[in-house]
Amino acid sequence: MSSSNDPNYQKIGDGWAQVSRGDYAGAIATFKDIVRSDDANIDGHYGLGLAQRASGDKAGAKASFEKAKTISERMLAEASHGSTSNDLKSSGDDRCMMLIRMLQQRLAEM
């Protein structure tokens, strides 16, 4: 999950800007660069999936969304010590749970 201390923080912003402009090829290149340098970057995999889907690469998008979901599930397990319920004590588990639901929706759309 990205934060301003993430070395890819600026690149993620650049990738979202490219998606917003409809520059899907540029966004795909940016997000691929991010996940090459940090394979556990959820935002990188999610952004890559959105750009791939928009460019018509449904198989690539599905793989990227699956990767982001797997990472989110692992992070949720780590944040909640194996529980899949929300302990309401941290924002980490909240974000992971939201991401998992969002990724499940994207995958269902595929």
PDB file of N, CA and C in Angstrom:
ATOM      1  N   MET A   1       0.847  -1.160   0.000  1.00  0.00           N
ATOM      2  CA  MET A   1       0.000   0.000   0.000  1.00  0.00           C
ATOM      3  C   MET A   1       0.891   1.221   0.000  1.00  0.00           C
ATOM      4  N   SER A   2       0.572   2.143  -0.840  1.00  0.00           N
ATOM      5  CA  SER A   2       1.452   3.284  -1.038  1.00  0.00           C
ATOM      6  C   SER A   2       1.278   4.348   0.029  1.00  0.00           C
ATOM      7  N   SER A   3       2.382   4.972   0.340  1.00  0.00           N
ATOM      8  CA  SER A   3       2.380   6.144   1.195  1.00  0.00           C
ATOM      9  C   SER A   3       3.469   7.059   0.673  1.00  0.00           C
ATOM     10  N   SER A   4       3.511   8.267   1.190  1.00  0.00           N
ATOM     11  CA  SER A   4       4.478   9.230   0.676  1.00  0.00           C
ATOM     12  C   SER A   4       5.918   8.817   0.928  1.00  0.00           C
ATOM     13  N   ASN A   5       6.157   7.838   1.808  1.00  0.00           N
ATOM     14  CA  ASN A   5       7.532   7.363   2.008  1.00  0.00           C
ATOM     15  C   ASN A   5       7.852   6.155   1.119  1.00  0.00           C
ATOM     16  N   ASP A   6       6.915   5.753   0.270  1.00  0.00           N
ATOM     17  CA  ASP A   6       7.126   4.686  -0.703  1.00  0.00           C
ATOM     18  C   ASP A   6       7.979   5.247  -1.844  1.00  0.00           C
ATOM     19  N   PRO A   7       9.076   4.563  -2.201  1.00  0.00           N
ATOM     20  CA  PRO A   7       9.914   5.072  -3.289  1.00  0.00           C
ATOM     21  C   PRO A   7       9.165   5.153  -4.626  1.00  0.00           C
ATOM     22  N   ASN A   8       8.067   4.434  -4.764  1.00  0.00           N
ATOM     23  CA  ASN A   8       7.276   4.474  -5.999  1.00  0.00           C
ATOM     24  C   ASN A   8       6.092   5.428  -5.931  1.00  0.00           C
ATOM     25  N   TYR A   9       5.989   6.183  -4.867  1.00  0.00           N
ATOM     26  CA  TYR A   9       4.838   7.069  -4.646  1.00  0.00           C
ATOM     27  C   TYR A   9       4.597   7.993  -5.840  1.00  0.00           C
ATOM     28  N   GLN A  10       5.635   8.663  -6.314  1.00  0.00           N
ATOM     29  CA  GLN A  10       5.487   9.590  -7.440  1.00  0.00           C
ATOM     30  C   GLN A  10       5.117   8.846  -8.721  1.00  0.00           C
ATOM     31  N   LYS A  11       5.728   7.685  -8.927  1.00  0.00           N
ATOM     32  CA  LYS A  11       5.421   6.904 -10.128  1.00  0.00           C
ATOM     33  C   LYS A  11       3.959   6.459 -10.129  1.00  0.00           C
ATOM     34  N   ILE A  12       3.447   6.097  -8.961  1.00  0.00           N
ATOM     35  CA  ILE A  12       2.043   5.687  -8.876  1.00  0.00           C
ATOM     36  C   ILE A  12       1.146   6.851  -9.283  1.00  0.00           C
ATOM     37  N   GLY A  13       1.455   8.044  -8.795  1.00  0.00           N
ATOM     38  CA  GLY A  13       0.701   9.236  -9.200  1.00  0.00           C
ATOM     39  C   GLY A  13       0.794   9.474 -10.694  1.00  0.00           C
ATOM     40  N   ASP A  14       1.974   9.263 -11.248  1.00  0.00           N
ATOM     41  CA  ASP A  14       2.155   9.410 -12.695  1.00  0.00           C
ATOM     42  C   ASP A  14       1.304   8.402 -13.453  1.00  0.00           C
ATOM     43  N   GLY A  15       1.278   7.159 -12.965  1.00  0.00           N
ATOM     44  CA  GLY A  15       0.471   6.120 -13.609  1.00  0.00           C
ATOM     45  C   GLY A  15      -1.009   6.452 -13.590  1.00  0.00           C
ATOM     46  N   TRP A  16      -1.500   6.950 -12.444  1.00  0.00           N
ATOM     47  CA  TRP A  16      -2.924   7.336 -12.366  1.00  0.00           C
ATOM     48  C   TRP A  16      -3.221   8.490 -13.312  1.00  0.00           C
ATOM     49  N   ALA A  17      -2.292   9.431 -13.419  1.00  0.00           N
ATOM     50  CA  ALA A  17      -2.486  10.560 -14.345  1.00  0.00           C
ATOM     51  C   ALA A  17      -2.560  10.053 -15.784  1.00  0.00           C
ATOM     52  N   GLN A  18      -1.719   9.093 -16.122  1.00  0.00           N
ATOM     53  CA  GLN A  18      -1.747   8.513 -17.468  1.00  0.00           C
ATOM     54  C   GLN A  18      -3.074   7.815 -17.736  1.00  0.00           C
ATOM     55  N   VAL A  19      -3.572   7.065 -16.761  1.00  0.00           N
ATOM     56  CA  VAL A  19      -4.874   6.416 -16.917  1.00  0.00           C
ATOM     57  C   VAL A  19      -5.953   7.473 -17.135  1.00  0.00           C
ATOM     58  N   SER A  20      -5.922   8.539 -16.350  1.00  0.00           N
ATOM     59  CA  SER A  20      -6.923   9.605 -16.464  1.00  0.00           C
ATOM     60  C   SER A  20      -6.914  10.258 -17.843  1.00  0.00           C
ATOM     61  N   ARG A  21      -5.720  10.371 -18.429  1.00  0.00           N
ATOM     62  CA  ARG A  21      -5.596  10.976 -19.765  1.00  0.00           C
ATOM     63  C   ARG A  21      -5.916   9.991 -20.881  1.00  0.00           C
ATOM     64  N   GLY A  22      -6.108   8.722 -20.544  1.00  0.00           N
ATOM     65  CA  GLY A  22      -6.353   7.712 -21.556  1.00  0.00           C
ATOM     66  C   GLY A  22      -5.080   7.175 -22.186  1.00  0.00           C
ATOM     67  N   ASP A  23      -3.939   7.469 -21.576  1.00  0.00           N
ATOM     68  CA  ASP A  23      -2.656   6.960 -22.062  1.00  0.00           C
ATOM     69  C   ASP A  23      -2.403   5.604 -21.414  1.00  0.00           C
ATOM     70  N   TYR A  24      -3.152   4.595 -21.866  1.00  0.00           N
ATOM     71  CA  TYR A  24      -3.084   3.284 -21.233  1.00  0.00           C
ATOM     72  C   TYR A  24      -1.744   2.595 -21.465  1.00  0.00           C
ATOM     73  N   ALA A  25      -1.160   2.769 -22.643  1.00  0.00           N
ATOM     74  CA  ALA A  25       0.151   2.168 -22.906  1.00  0.00           C
ATOM     75  C   ALA A  25       1.196   2.764 -21.963  1.00  0.00           C
ATOM     76  N   GLY A  26       1.160   4.064 -21.773  1.00  0.00           N
ATOM     77  CA  GLY A  26       2.091   4.709 -20.848  1.00  0.00           C
ATOM     78  C   GLY A  26       1.859   4.259 -19.415  1.00  0.00           C
ATOM     79  N   ALA A  27       0.581   4.142 -19.029  1.00  0.00           N
ATOM     80  CA  ALA A  27       0.241   3.698 -17.676  1.00  0.00           C
ATOM     81  C   ALA A  27       0.701   2.257 -17.451  1.00  0.00           C
ATOM     82  N   ILE A  28       0.494   1.416 -18.449  1.00  0.00           N
ATOM     83  CA  ILE A  28       0.936   0.023 -18.323  1.00  0.00           C
ATOM     84  C   ILE A  28       2.440  -0.024 -18.115  1.00  0.00           C
ATOM     85  N   ALA A  29       3.179   0.757 -18.893  1.00  0.00           N
ATOM     86  CA  ALA A  29       4.642   0.785 -18.741  1.00  0.00           C
ATOM     87  C   ALA A  29       5.035   1.286 -17.349  1.00  0.00           C
ATOM     88  N   THR A  30       4.374   2.321 -16.875  1.00  0.00           N
ATOM     89  CA  THR A  30       4.682   2.885 -15.552  1.00  0.00           C
ATOM     90  C   THR A  30       4.388   1.874 -14.451  1.00  0.00           C
ATOM     91  N   PHE A  31       3.196   1.268 -14.491  1.00  0.00           N
ATOM     92  CA  PHE A  31       2.827   0.320 -13.446  1.00  0.00           C
ATOM     93  C   PHE A  31       3.678  -0.955 -13.512  1.00  0.00           C
ATOM     94  N   LYS A  32       4.051  -1.380 -14.718  1.00  0.00           N
ATOM     95  CA  LYS A  32       4.942  -2.547 -14.826  1.00  0.00           C
ATOM     96  C   LYS A  32       6.298  -2.233 -14.202  1.00  0.00           C
ATOM     97  N   ASP A  33       6.778  -1.018 -14.395  1.00  0.00           N
ATOM     98  CA  ASP A  33       8.041  -0.609 -13.783  1.00  0.00           C
ATOM     99  C   ASP A  33       7.936  -0.650 -12.259  1.00  0.00           C
ATOM    100  N   ILE A  34       6.802  -0.209 -11.737  1.00  0.00           N
ATOM    101  CA  ILE A  34       6.579  -0.204 -10.287  1.00  0.00           C
ATOM    102  C   ILE A  34       6.597  -1.638  -9.742  1.00  0.00           C
ATOM    103  N   VAL A  35       5.853  -2.541 -10.372  1.00  0.00           N
ATOM    104  CA  VAL A  35       5.773  -3.903  -9.831  1.00  0.00           C
ATOM    105  C   VAL A  35       7.068  -4.677 -10.070  1.00  0.00           C
ATOM    106  N   ARG A  36       7.844  -4.289 -11.084  1.00  0.00           N
ATOM    107  CA  ARG A  36       9.163  -4.908 -11.261  1.00  0.00           C
ATOM    108  C   ARG A  36      10.075  -4.560 -10.094  1.00  0.00           C
ATOM    109  N   SER A  37       9.977  -3.322  -9.624  1.00  0.00           N
ATOM    110  CA  SER A  37      10.842  -2.902  -8.513  1.00  0.00           C
ATOM    111  C   SER A  37      10.282  -3.293  -7.156  1.00  0.00           C
ATOM    112  N   ASP A  38       8.962  -3.545  -7.080  1.00  0.00           N
ATOM    113  CA  ASP A  38       8.323  -3.907  -5.812  1.00  0.00           C
ATOM    114  C   ASP A  38       7.121  -4.794  -6.116  1.00  0.00           C
ATOM    115  N   ASP A  39       7.351  -6.087  -6.185  1.00  0.00           N
ATOM    116  CA  ASP A  39       6.299  -7.027  -6.569  1.00  0.00           C
ATOM    117  C   ASP A  39       5.143  -7.069  -5.571  1.00  0.00           C
ATOM    118  N   ALA A  40       5.336  -6.555  -4.375  1.00  0.00           N
ATOM    119  CA  ALA A  40       4.272  -6.555  -3.364  1.00  0.00           C
ATOM    120  C   ALA A  40       3.489  -5.242  -3.355  1.00  0.00           C
ATOM    121  N   ASN A  41       3.664  -4.400  -4.367  1.00  0.00           N
ATOM    122  CA  ASN A  41       2.999  -3.100  -4.411  1.00  0.00           C
ATOM    123  C   ASN A  41       1.566  -3.275  -4.929  1.00  0.00           C
ATOM    124  N   ILE A  42       0.610  -3.246  -4.023  1.00  0.00           N
ATOM    125  CA  ILE A  42      -0.797  -3.441  -4.363  1.00  0.00           C
ATOM    126  C   ILE A  42      -1.263  -2.383  -5.348  1.00  0.00           C
ATOM    127  N   ASP A  43      -0.921  -1.131  -5.093  1.00  0.00           N
ATOM    128  CA  ASP A  43      -1.356  -0.044  -5.969  1.00  0.00           C
ATOM    129  C   ASP A  43      -0.810  -0.225  -7.382  1.00  0.00           C
ATOM    130  N   GLY A  44       0.414  -0.717  -7.477  1.00  0.00           N
ATOM    131  CA  GLY A  44       1.004  -0.969  -8.788  1.00  0.00           C
ATOM    132  C   GLY A  44       0.248  -2.041  -9.551  1.00  0.00           C
ATOM    133  N   HIS A  45      -0.067  -3.148  -8.881  1.00  0.00           N
ATOM    134  CA  HIS A  45      -0.799  -4.239  -9.541  1.00  0.00           C
ATOM    135  C   HIS A  45      -2.228  -3.815  -9.881  1.00  0.00           C
ATOM    136  N   TYR A  46      -2.881  -3.079  -8.986  1.00  0.00           N
ATOM    137  CA  TYR A  46      -4.251  -2.635  -9.241  1.00  0.00           C
ATOM    138  C   TYR A  46      -4.278  -1.652 -10.412  1.00  0.00           C
ATOM    139  N   GLY A  47      -3.373  -0.670 -10.398  1.00  0.00           N
ATOM    140  CA  GLY A  47      -3.306   0.292 -11.499  1.00  0.00           C
ATOM    141  C   GLY A  47      -2.993  -0.387 -12.817  1.00  0.00           C
ATOM    142  N   LEU A  48      -2.088  -1.345 -12.780  1.00  0.00           N
ATOM    143  CA  LEU A  48      -1.753  -2.111 -13.980  1.00  0.00           C
ATOM    144  C   LEU A  48      -2.997  -2.829 -14.499  1.00  0.00           C
ATOM    145  N   GLY A  49      -3.745  -3.444 -13.601  1.00  0.00           N
ATOM    146  CA  GLY A  49      -4.971  -4.136 -14.010  1.00  0.00           C
ATOM    147  C   GLY A  49      -5.980  -3.205 -14.648  1.00  0.00           C
ATOM    148  N   LEU A  50      -6.170  -2.031 -14.065  1.00  0.00           N
ATOM    149  CA  LEU A  50      -7.121  -1.071 -14.642  1.00  0.00           C
ATOM    150  C   LEU A  50      -6.680  -0.617 -16.031  1.00  0.00           C
ATOM    151  N   ALA A  51      -5.386  -0.325 -16.184  1.00  0.00           N
ATOM    152  CA  ALA A  51      -4.870   0.117 -17.483  1.00  0.00           C
ATOM    153  C   ALA A  51      -4.961  -1.014 -18.508  1.00  0.00           C
ATOM    154  N   GLN A  52      -4.656  -2.234 -18.084  1.00  0.00           N
ATOM    155  CA  GLN A  52      -4.757  -3.377 -18.997  1.00  0.00           C
ATOM    156  C   GLN A  52      -6.200  -3.592 -19.432  1.00  0.00           C
ATOM    157  N   ARG A  53      -7.116  -3.521 -18.478  1.00  0.00           N
ATOM    158  CA  ARG A  53      -8.530  -3.704 -18.816  1.00  0.00           C
ATOM    159  C   ARG A  53      -8.992  -2.643 -19.803  1.00  0.00           C
ATOM    160  N   ALA A  54      -8.606  -1.389 -19.552  1.00  0.00           N
ATOM    161  CA  ALA A  54      -9.004  -0.291 -20.431  1.00  0.00           C
ATOM    162  C   ALA A  54      -8.414  -0.437 -21.831  1.00  0.00           C
ATOM    163  N   SER A  55      -7.249  -1.066 -21.921  1.00  0.00           N
ATOM    164  CA  SER A  55      -6.622  -1.247 -23.238  1.00  0.00           C
ATOM    165  C   SER A  55      -7.096  -2.515 -23.943  1.00  0.00           C
ATOM    166  N   GLY A  56      -7.959  -3.297 -23.287  1.00  0.00           N
ATOM    167  CA  GLY A  56      -8.514  -4.497 -23.900  1.00  0.00           C
ATOM    168  C   GLY A  56      -7.812  -5.788 -23.526  1.00  0.00           C
ATOM    169  N   ASP A  57      -6.803  -5.718 -22.668  1.00  0.00           N
ATOM    170  CA  ASP A  57      -6.063  -6.915 -22.253  1.00  0.00           C
ATOM    171  C   ASP A  57      -6.734  -7.517 -21.016  1.00  0.00           C
ATOM    172  N   LYS A  58      -7.827  -8.234 -21.237  1.00  0.00           N
ATOM    173  CA  LYS A  58      -8.589  -8.789 -20.115  1.00  0.00           C
ATOM    174  C   LYS A  58      -7.811  -9.850 -19.348  1.00  0.00           C
ATOM    175  N   ALA A  59      -7.058 -10.676 -20.053  1.00  0.00           N
ATOM    176  CA  ALA A  59      -6.278 -11.722 -19.367  1.00  0.00           C
ATOM    177  C   ALA A  59      -5.207 -11.088 -18.484  1.00  0.00           C
ATOM    178  N   GLY A  60      -4.532 -10.082 -18.993  1.00  0.00           N
ATOM    179  CA  GLY A  60      -3.519  -9.383 -18.202  1.00  0.00           C
ATOM    180  C   GLY A  60      -4.138  -8.691 -17.004  1.00  0.00           C
ATOM    181  N   ALA A  61      -5.302  -8.057 -17.224  1.00  0.00           N
ATOM    182  CA  ALA A  61      -5.992  -7.370 -16.138  1.00  0.00           C
ATOM    183  C   ALA A  61      -6.390  -8.354 -15.042  1.00  0.00           C
ATOM    184  N   LYS A  62      -6.920  -9.492 -15.455  1.00  0.00           N
ATOM    185  CA  LYS A  62      -7.330 -10.492 -14.472  1.00  0.00           C
ATOM    186  C   LYS A  62      -6.133 -10.951 -13.642  1.00  0.00           C
ATOM    187  N   ALA A  63      -5.013 -11.198 -14.292  1.00  0.00           N
ATOM    188  CA  ALA A  63      -3.808 -11.630 -13.574  1.00  0.00           C
ATOM    189  C   ALA A  63      -3.330 -10.546 -12.609  1.00  0.00           C
ATOM    190  N   SER A  64      -3.376  -9.297 -13.040  1.00  0.00           N
ATOM    191  CA  SER A  64      -2.936  -8.200 -12.166  1.00  0.00           C
ATOM    192  C   SER A  64      -3.872  -8.039 -10.970  1.00  0.00           C
ATOM    193  N   PHE A  65      -5.187  -8.116 -11.207  1.00  0.00           N
ATOM    194  CA  PHE A  65      -6.145  -8.020 -10.105  1.00  0.00           C
ATOM    195  C   PHE A  65      -5.978  -9.190  -9.135  1.00  0.00           C
ATOM    196  N   GLU A  66      -5.751 -10.392  -9.665  1.00  0.00           N
ATOM    197  CA  GLU A  66      -5.538 -11.568  -8.805  1.00  0.00           C
ATOM    198  C   GLU A  66      -4.306 -11.373  -7.929  1.00  0.00           C
ATOM    199  N   LYS A  67      -3.239 -10.853  -8.522  1.00  0.00           N
ATOM    200  CA  LYS A  67      -1.996 -10.617  -7.760  1.00  0.00           C
ATOM    201  C   LYS A  67      -2.250  -9.598  -6.651  1.00  0.00           C
ATOM    202  N   ALA A  68      -2.942  -8.503  -6.974  1.00  0.00           N
ATOM    203  CA  ALA A  68      -3.249  -7.488  -5.963  1.00  0.00           C
ATOM    204  C   ALA A  68      -4.119  -8.067  -4.854  1.00  0.00           C
ATOM    205  N   LYS A  69      -5.071  -8.927  -5.219  1.00  0.00           N
ATOM    206  CA  LYS A  69      -5.953  -9.543  -4.222  1.00  0.00           C
ATOM    207  C   LYS A  69      -5.162 -10.475  -3.307  1.00  0.00           C
ATOM    208  N   THR A  70      -4.274 -11.268  -3.879  1.00  0.00           N
ATOM    209  CA  THR A  70      -3.443 -12.177  -3.086  1.00  0.00           C
ATOM    210  C   THR A  70      -2.589 -11.400  -2.086  1.00  0.00           C
ATOM    211  N   ILE A  71      -1.991 -10.315  -2.537  1.00  0.00           N
ATOM    212  CA  ILE A  71      -1.159  -9.483  -1.658  1.00  0.00           C
ATOM    213  C   ILE A  71      -2.028  -8.871  -0.562  1.00  0.00           C
ATOM    214  N   SER A  72      -3.220  -8.375  -0.931  1.00  0.00           N
ATOM    215  CA  SER A  72      -4.133  -7.773   0.052  1.00  0.00           C
ATOM    216  C   SER A  72      -4.550  -8.781   1.106  1.00  0.00           C
ATOM    217  N   GLU A  73      -4.856 -10.007   0.669  1.00  0.00           N
ATOM    218  CA  GLU A  73      -5.252 -11.047   1.622  1.00  0.00           C
ATOM    219  C   GLU A  73      -4.105 -11.387   2.566  1.00  0.00           C
ATOM    220  N   ARG A  74      -2.905 -11.455   2.044  1.00  0.00           N
ATOM    221  CA  ARG A  74      -1.744 -11.737   2.892  1.00  0.00           C
ATOM    222  C   ARG A  74      -1.531 -10.598   3.898  1.00  0.00           C
ATOM    223  N   MET A  75      -1.661  -9.358   3.426  1.00  0.00           N
ATOM    224  CA  MET A  75      -1.478  -8.210   4.325  1.00  0.00           C
ATOM    225  C   MET A  75      -2.568  -8.169   5.393  1.00  0.00           C
ATOM    226  N   LEU A  76      -3.804  -8.534   5.014  1.00  0.00           N
ATOM    227  CA  LEU A  76      -4.890  -8.585   6.001  1.00  0.00           C
ATOM    228  C   LEU A  76      -4.583  -9.628   7.063  1.00  0.00           C
ATOM    229  N   ALA A  77      -4.129 -10.786   6.644  1.00  0.00           N
ATOM    230  CA  ALA A  77      -3.794 -11.841   7.603  1.00  0.00           C
ATOM    231  C   ALA A  77      -2.690 -11.380   8.546  1.00  0.00           C
ATOM    232  N   GLU A  78      -1.710 -10.672   8.010  1.00  0.00           N
ATOM    233  CA  GLU A  78      -0.621 -10.167   8.852  1.00  0.00           C
ATOM    234  C   GLU A  78      -1.113  -9.071   9.795  1.00  0.00           C
ATOM    235  N   ALA A  79      -1.976  -8.174   9.295  1.00  0.00           N
ATOM    236  CA  ALA A  79      -2.469  -7.056  10.112  1.00  0.00           C
ATOM    237  C   ALA A  79      -3.410  -7.534  11.212  1.00  0.00           C
ATOM    238  N   SER A  80      -4.142  -8.597  10.922  1.00  0.00           N
ATOM    239  CA  SER A  80      -5.137  -9.065  11.893  1.00  0.00           C
ATOM    240  C   SER A  80      -4.737 -10.384  12.537  1.00  0.00           C
ATOM    241  N   HIS A  81      -3.477 -10.740  12.397  1.00  0.00           N
ATOM    242  CA  HIS A  81      -2.933 -11.949  13.017  1.00  0.00           C
ATOM    243  C   HIS A  81      -3.735 -13.196  12.662  1.00  0.00           C
ATOM    244  N   GLY A  82      -4.093 -13.312  11.370  1.00  0.00           N
ATOM    245  CA  GLY A  82      -4.782 -14.503  10.887  1.00  0.00           C
ATOM    246  C   GLY A  82      -6.291 -14.410  10.884  1.00  0.00           C
ATOM    247  N   SER A  83      -6.852 -13.428  11.544  1.00  0.00           N
ATOM    248  CA  SER A  83      -8.300 -13.280  11.567  1.00  0.00           C
ATOM    249  C   SER A  83      -8.760 -12.544  10.307  1.00  0.00           C
ATOM    250  N   THR A  84      -9.926 -12.872   9.799  1.00  0.00           N
ATOM    251  CA  THR A  84     -10.457 -12.157   8.641  1.00  0.00           C
ATOM    252  C   THR A  84     -11.560 -11.186   9.044  1.00  0.00           C
ATOM    253  N   SER A  85     -11.682 -10.927  10.339  1.00  0.00           N
ATOM    254  CA  SER A  85     -12.667  -9.952  10.797  1.00  0.00           C
ATOM    255  C   SER A  85     -11.950  -8.656  11.148  1.00  0.00           C
ATOM    256  N   ASN A  86     -12.701  -7.598  11.174  1.00  0.00           N
ATOM    257  CA  ASN A  86     -12.153  -6.284  11.447  1.00  0.00           C
ATOM    258  C   ASN A  86     -12.107  -6.053  12.953  1.00  0.00           C
ATOM    259  N   ASP A  87     -10.908  -5.774  13.459  1.00  0.00           N
ATOM    260  CA  ASP A  87     -10.787  -5.552  14.903  1.00  0.00           C
ATOM    261  C   ASP A  87     -11.044  -4.102  15.292  1.00  0.00           C
ATOM    262  N   LEU A  88     -11.249  -3.247  14.310  1.00  0.00           N
ATOM    263  CA  LEU A  88     -11.543  -1.824  14.507  1.00  0.00           C
ATOM    264  C   LEU A  88     -10.428  -1.081  15.241  1.00  0.00           C
ATOM    265  N   LYS A  89      -9.260  -1.684  15.344  1.00  0.00           N
ATOM    266  CA  LYS A  89      -8.156  -1.054  16.067  1.00  0.00           C
ATOM    267  C   LYS A  89      -7.100  -0.466  15.132  1.00  0.00           C
ATOM    268  N   SER A  90      -7.175  -0.799  13.865  1.00  0.00           N
ATOM    269  CA  SER A  90      -6.177  -0.269  12.943  1.00  0.00           C
ATOM    270  C   SER A  90      -6.818   0.058  11.610  1.00  0.00           C
ATOM    271  N   SER A  91      -6.181   0.947  10.876  1.00  0.00           N
ATOM    272  CA  SER A  91      -6.678   1.260   9.540  1.00  0.00           C
ATOM    273  C   SER A  91      -6.114   0.289   8.516  1.00  0.00           C
ATOM    274  N   GLY A  92      -5.043  -0.446   8.876  1.00  0.00           N
ATOM    275  CA  GLY A  92      -4.447  -1.398   7.949  1.00  0.00           C
ATOM    276  C   GLY A  92      -5.406  -2.486   7.551  1.00  0.00           C
ATOM    277  N   ASP A  93      -6.112  -3.054   8.526  1.00  0.00           N
ATOM    278  CA  ASP A  93      -7.047  -4.118   8.178  1.00  0.00           C
ATOM    279  C   ASP A  93      -8.249  -3.558   7.424  1.00  0.00           C
ATOM    280  N   ASP A  94      -8.663  -2.335   7.760  1.00  0.00           N
ATOM    281  CA  ASP A  94      -9.762  -1.698   7.032  1.00  0.00           C
ATOM    282  C   ASP A  94      -9.421  -1.559   5.553  1.00  0.00           C
ATOM    283  N   ARG A  95      -8.219  -1.060   5.265  1.00  0.00           N
ATOM    284  CA  ARG A  95      -7.817  -0.845   3.871  1.00  0.00           C
ATOM    285  C   ARG A  95      -7.706  -2.177   3.133  1.00  0.00           C
ATOM    286  N   CYS A  96      -7.142  -3.156   3.770  1.00  0.00           N
ATOM    287  CA  CYS A  96      -7.021  -4.471   3.129  1.00  0.00           C
ATOM    288  C   CYS A  96      -8.382  -5.056   2.823  1.00  0.00           C
ATOM    289  N   MET A  97      -9.313  -4.973   3.764  1.00  0.00           N
ATOM    290  CA  MET A  97     -10.647  -5.516   3.550  1.00  0.00           C
ATOM    291  C   MET A  97     -11.352  -4.787   2.411  1.00  0.00           C
ATOM    292  N   MET A  98     -11.196  -3.453   2.345  1.00  0.00           N
ATOM    293  CA  MET A  98     -11.793  -2.669   1.275  1.00  0.00           C
ATOM    294  C   MET A  98     -11.187  -3.069  -0.072  1.00  0.00           C
ATOM    295  N   LEU A  99      -9.858  -3.202  -0.107  1.00  0.00           N
ATOM    296  CA  LEU A  99      -9.183  -3.590  -1.347  1.00  0.00           C
ATOM    297  C   LEU A  99      -9.628  -4.966  -1.816  1.00  0.00           C
ATOM    298  N   ILE A 100      -9.756  -5.900  -0.898  1.00  0.00           N
ATOM    299  CA  ILE A 100     -10.185  -7.246  -1.266  1.00  0.00           C
ATOM    300  C   ILE A 100     -11.579  -7.213  -1.875  1.00  0.00           C
ATOM    301  N   ARG A 101     -12.501  -6.473  -1.260  1.00  0.00           N
ATOM    302  CA  ARG A 101     -13.856  -6.357  -1.818  1.00  0.00           C
ATOM    303  C   ARG A 101     -13.828  -5.708  -3.195  1.00  0.00           C
ATOM    304  N   MET A 102     -13.056  -4.652  -3.341  1.00  0.00           N
ATOM    305  CA  MET A 102     -12.950  -3.946  -4.608  1.00  0.00           C
ATOM    306  C   MET A 102     -12.356  -4.859  -5.688  1.00  0.00           C
ATOM    307  N   LEU A 103     -11.337  -5.610  -5.335  1.00  0.00           N
ATOM    308  CA  LEU A 103     -10.707  -6.514  -6.297  1.00  0.00           C
ATOM    309  C   LEU A 103     -11.636  -7.672  -6.659  1.00  0.00           C
ATOM    310  N   GLN A 104     -12.406  -8.153  -5.709  1.00  0.00           N
ATOM    311  CA  GLN A 104     -13.390  -9.196  -6.006  1.00  0.00           C
ATOM    312  C   GLN A 104     -14.420  -8.671  -7.029  1.00  0.00           C
ATOM    313  N   GLN A 105     -14.812  -7.406  -6.881  1.00  0.00           N
ATOM    314  CA  GLN A 105     -15.746  -6.808  -7.829  1.00  0.00           C
ATOM    315  C   GLN A 105     -15.113  -6.715  -9.224  1.00  0.00           C
ATOM    316  N   ARG A 106     -13.870  -6.254  -9.288  1.00  0.00           N
ATOM    317  CA  ARG A 106     -13.187  -6.146 -10.584  1.00  0.00           C
ATOM    318  C   ARG A 106     -13.071  -7.523 -11.248  1.00  0.00           C
ATOM    319  N   LEU A 107     -12.722  -8.530 -10.456  1.00  0.00           N
ATOM    320  CA  LEU A 107     -12.605  -9.877 -11.011  1.00  0.00           C
ATOM    321  C   LEU A 107     -13.958 -10.421 -11.478  1.00  0.00           C
ATOM    322  N   ALA A 108     -15.017 -10.118 -10.746  1.00  0.00           N
ATOM    323  CA  ALA A 108     -16.345 -10.557 -11.145  1.00  0.00           C
ATOM    324  C   ALA A 108     -16.761  -9.893 -12.460  1.00  0.00           C
ATOM    325  N   GLU A 109     -16.316  -8.665 -12.680  1.00  0.00           N
ATOM    326  CA  GLU A 109     -16.610  -7.947 -13.920  1.00  0.00           C
ATOM    327  C   GLU A 109     -15.901  -8.585 -15.123  1.00  0.00           C
ATOM    328  N   MET A 110     -14.807  -9.279 -14.848  1.00  0.00           N
ATOM    329  CA  MET A 110     -14.014  -9.859 -15.932  1.00  0.00           C
ATOM    330  C   MET A 110     -14.718 -11.099 -16.427  1.00  0.00           C
TER     331      MET A 110
END
